[in-house]
Amino acid sequence: MADLLKQGAQLTELSCPACASPLFKLKSGEIWCAKCQKRVLVIKEGETPEEATKSIMLSGLESTVLAKIREVQTKITEEKDPAQLEKLSATLTSLLENLEKIRKIK
C-alpha cells in the first residue's frame, strides 16, 4: 500500500468487495485493491454492468488494434512483393478504420 502511495495513487473511501481492504485510485484513474492485486470496477447507481465495462472493453480493443497496426507496419517495411504490399495496405486501411470507429464510440 505504501508503494502505491509513493507512486502517486490516492487512497479512496471505498473498500474491496472481496477482501474489505481499502481501495486506491491510480494515476490512470483505475481503482485498485493492493491486497488482491486486482482492478476493481465501481458501478454507479443506475448504471448497468454493461455500461460500466464498456470503457474497459473498448480500451482493450483499442490496444489490440494498435498492436496489429504495428505488426502490419513492420511487415510493410520488410515486404518487397507488390501483391503482398497491396494486401498489407488493405489490412492496414481496415485496421485504421476500425481504430477510428472505436475512438468515436469511446
C-alpha atoms as a PDB file:
ATOM      1  CA  MET A   1       0.000   0.000   0.000  1.00  0.00           C
ATOM      2  CA  ALA A   2       2.848   2.353   0.798  1.00  0.00           C
ATOM      3  CA  ASP A   3       4.341   1.681  -2.644  1.00  0.00           C
ATOM      4  CA  LEU A   4       1.080   2.709  -4.315  1.00  0.00           C
ATOM      5  CA  LEU A   5       1.028   5.961  -2.360  1.00  0.00           C
ATOM      6  CA  LYS A   6       4.673   6.634  -3.282  1.00  0.00           C
ATOM      7  CA  GLN A   7       3.726   6.136  -6.940  1.00  0.00           C
ATOM      8  CA  GLY A   8       1.027   8.801  -6.666  1.00  0.00           C
ATOM      9  CA  ALA A   9      -2.051   6.648  -6.062  1.00  0.00           C
ATOM     10  CA  GLN A  10      -4.801   8.112  -3.884  1.00  0.00           C
ATOM     11  CA  LEU A  11      -6.466   6.275  -1.040  1.00  0.00           C
ATOM     12  CA  THR A  12     -10.251   6.219  -1.557  1.00  0.00           C
ATOM     13  CA  GLU A  13     -13.108   5.848   0.909  1.00  0.00           C
ATOM     14  CA  LEU A  14     -14.086   2.614  -0.860  1.00  0.00           C
ATOM     15  CA  SER A  15     -13.236  -0.902   0.266  1.00  0.00           C
ATOM     16  CA  CYS A  16     -12.671  -4.040  -1.779  1.00  0.00           C
ATOM     17  CA  PRO A  17     -15.818  -6.164  -2.142  1.00  0.00           C
ATOM     18  CA  ALA A  18     -13.690  -9.339  -1.942  1.00  0.00           C
ATOM     19  CA  CYS A  19     -11.358  -8.635   1.000  1.00  0.00           C
ATOM     20  CA  ALA A  20     -12.610  -5.343   2.534  1.00  0.00           C
ATOM     21  CA  SER A  21      -9.159  -3.767   2.111  1.00  0.00           C
ATOM     22  CA  PRO A  22      -9.031  -0.036   1.256  1.00  0.00           C
ATOM     23  CA  LEU A  23      -9.047   0.751  -2.460  1.00  0.00           C
ATOM     24  CA  PHE A  24      -6.671   3.088  -4.269  1.00  0.00           C
ATOM     25  CA  LYS A  25      -7.209   5.285  -7.299  1.00  0.00           C
ATOM     26  CA  LEU A  26      -4.196   5.022  -9.624  1.00  0.00           C
ATOM     27  CA  LYS A  27      -2.930   7.902 -11.765  1.00  0.00           C
ATOM     28  CA  SER A  28      -4.573   6.154 -14.741  1.00  0.00           C
ATOM     29  CA  GLY A  29      -7.949   6.500 -12.999  1.00  0.00           C
ATOM     30  CA  GLU A  30      -8.277   2.788 -12.286  1.00  0.00           C
ATOM     31  CA  ILE A  31      -9.457   1.632  -8.874  1.00  0.00           C
ATOM     32  CA  TRP A  32      -7.046  -0.957  -7.442  1.00  0.00           C
ATOM     33  CA  CYS A  33      -7.010  -3.355  -4.487  1.00  0.00           C
ATOM     34  CA  ALA A  34      -3.462  -3.658  -3.142  1.00  0.00           C
ATOM     35  CA  LYS A  35      -4.248  -6.845  -1.209  1.00  0.00           C
ATOM     36  CA  CYS A  36      -5.962  -8.742  -4.052  1.00  0.00           C
ATOM     37  CA  GLN A  37      -3.687  -7.149  -6.684  1.00  0.00           C
ATOM     38  CA  LYS A  38      -6.719  -6.609  -8.943  1.00  0.00           C
ATOM     39  CA  ARG A  39      -8.610  -3.813 -10.619  1.00  0.00           C
ATOM     40  CA  VAL A  40     -11.985  -3.083  -9.055  1.00  0.00           C
ATOM     41  CA  LEU A  41     -14.864  -1.823 -11.154  1.00  0.00           C
ATOM     42  CA  VAL A  42     -17.155   0.670  -9.452  1.00  0.00           C
ATOM     43  CA  ILE A  43     -20.698   0.625 -10.814  1.00  0.00           C
ATOM     44  CA  LYS A  44     -22.554   3.849 -10.161  1.00  0.00           C
ATOM     45  CA  GLU A  45     -26.179   3.914  -9.086  1.00  0.00           C
ATOM     46  CA  GLY A  46     -28.472   3.430 -12.066  1.00  0.00           C
ATOM     47  CA  GLU A  47     -25.625   2.157 -14.250  1.00  0.00           C
ATOM     48  CA  THR A  48     -25.696  -1.374 -15.661  1.00  0.00           C
ATOM     49  CA  PRO A  49     -22.617  -3.628 -15.529  1.00  0.00           C
ATOM     50  CA  GLU A  50     -22.509  -3.480 -19.338  1.00  0.00           C
ATOM     51  CA  GLU A  51     -22.320   0.309 -19.296  1.00  0.00           C
ATOM     52  CA  ALA A  52     -19.621   0.212 -16.635  1.00  0.00           C
ATOM     53  CA  THR A  53     -17.431  -2.255 -18.541  1.00  0.00           C
ATOM     54  CA  LYS A  54     -17.848  -0.564 -21.933  1.00  0.00           C
ATOM     55  CA  SER A  55     -14.873   1.755 -21.427  1.00  0.00           C
ATOM     56  CA  ILE A  56     -12.590  -1.077 -20.274  1.00  0.00           C
ATOM     57  CA  MET A  57     -13.645  -3.262 -23.179  1.00  0.00           C
ATOM     58  CA  LEU A  58     -13.114  -0.506 -25.743  1.00  0.00           C
ATOM     59  CA  SER A  59      -9.705   0.352 -24.295  1.00  0.00           C
ATOM     60  CA  GLY A  60      -8.643  -3.283 -24.570  1.00  0.00           C
ATOM     61  CA  LEU A  61      -9.908  -3.462 -28.121  1.00  0.00           C
ATOM     62  CA  GLU A  62      -8.113  -0.234 -28.998  1.00  0.00           C
ATOM     63  CA  SER A  63      -4.845  -1.627 -27.611  1.00  0.00           C
ATOM     64  CA  THR A  64      -5.243  -4.801 -29.648  1.00  0.00           C
ATOM     65  CA  VAL A  65      -5.907  -2.891 -32.874  1.00  0.00           C
ATOM     66  CA  LEU A  66      -2.896  -0.629 -32.230  1.00  0.00           C
ATOM     67  CA  ALA A  67      -0.678  -3.696 -31.712  1.00  0.00           C
ATOM     68  CA  LYS A  68      -1.912  -5.168 -35.007  1.00  0.00           C
ATOM     69  CA  ILE A  69      -1.237  -1.869 -36.786  1.00  0.00           C
ATOM     70  CA  ARG A  70       2.359  -2.020 -35.519  1.00  0.00           C
ATOM     71  CA  GLU A  71       2.689  -5.615 -36.757  1.00  0.00           C
ATOM     72  CA  VAL A  72       1.393  -4.697 -40.214  1.00  0.00           C
ATOM     73  CA  GLN A  73       3.677  -1.656 -40.312  1.00  0.00           C
ATOM     74  CA  THR A  74       6.702  -3.888 -39.648  1.00  0.00           C
ATOM     75  CA  LYS A  75       5.639  -6.322 -42.376  1.00  0.00           C
ATOM     76  CA  ILE A  76       5.115  -3.482 -44.868  1.00  0.00           C
ATOM     77  CA  THR A  77       8.619  -2.185 -44.138  1.00  0.00           C
ATOM     78  CA  GLU A  78      10.146  -5.597 -44.860  1.00  0.00           C
ATOM     79  CA  GLU A  79       7.938  -6.640 -47.807  1.00  0.00           C
ATOM     80  CA  LYS A  80       9.181  -6.452 -51.410  1.00  0.00           C
ATOM     81  CA  ASP A  81       6.381  -8.227 -53.317  1.00  0.00           C
ATOM     82  CA  PRO A  82       3.887  -5.669 -54.744  1.00  0.00           C
ATOM     83  CA  ALA A  83       0.926  -8.077 -54.453  1.00  0.00           C
ATOM     84  CA  GLN A  84       1.692  -8.733 -50.801  1.00  0.00           C
ATOM     85  CA  LEU A  85       2.168  -4.997 -50.197  1.00  0.00           C
ATOM     86  CA  GLU A  86      -1.300  -4.397 -51.618  1.00  0.00           C
ATOM     87  CA  LYS A  87      -2.811  -6.964 -49.231  1.00  0.00           C
ATOM     88  CA  LEU A  88      -0.954  -5.464 -46.282  1.00  0.00           C
ATOM     89  CA  SER A  89      -2.097  -1.966 -47.262  1.00  0.00           C
ATOM     90  CA  ALA A  90      -5.710  -3.128 -47.387  1.00  0.00           C
ATOM     91  CA  THR A  91      -5.318  -4.715 -43.961  1.00  0.00           C
ATOM     92  CA  LEU A  92      -3.770  -1.526 -42.594  1.00  0.00           C
ATOM     93  CA  THR A  93      -6.615   0.559 -44.011  1.00  0.00           C
ATOM     94  CA  SER A  94      -9.174  -1.733 -42.385  1.00  0.00           C
ATOM     95  CA  LEU A  95      -7.379  -1.600 -39.027  1.00  0.00           C
ATOM     96  CA  LEU A  96      -7.193   2.197 -39.138  1.00  0.00           C
ATOM     97  CA  GLU A  97     -10.900   2.442 -39.963  1.00  0.00           C
ATOM     98  CA  ASN A  98     -11.698   0.178 -37.024  1.00  0.00           C
ATOM     99  CA  LEU A  99      -9.473   2.232 -34.727  1.00  0.00           C
ATOM    100  CA  GLU A 100     -11.341   5.373 -35.778  1.00  0.00           C
ATOM    101  CA  LYS A 101     -14.698   3.710 -35.070  1.00  0.00           C
ATOM    102  CA  ILE A 102     -13.533   2.565 -31.621  1.00  0.00           C
ATOM    103  CA  ARG A 103     -12.361   6.069 -30.746  1.00  0.00           C
ATOM    104  CA  LYS A 104     -15.679   7.583 -31.878  1.00  0.00           C
ATOM    105  CA  ILE A 105     -17.601   5.181 -29.637  1.00  0.00           C
ATOM    106  CA  LYS A 106     -15.390   5.949 -26.615  1.00  0.00           C
END
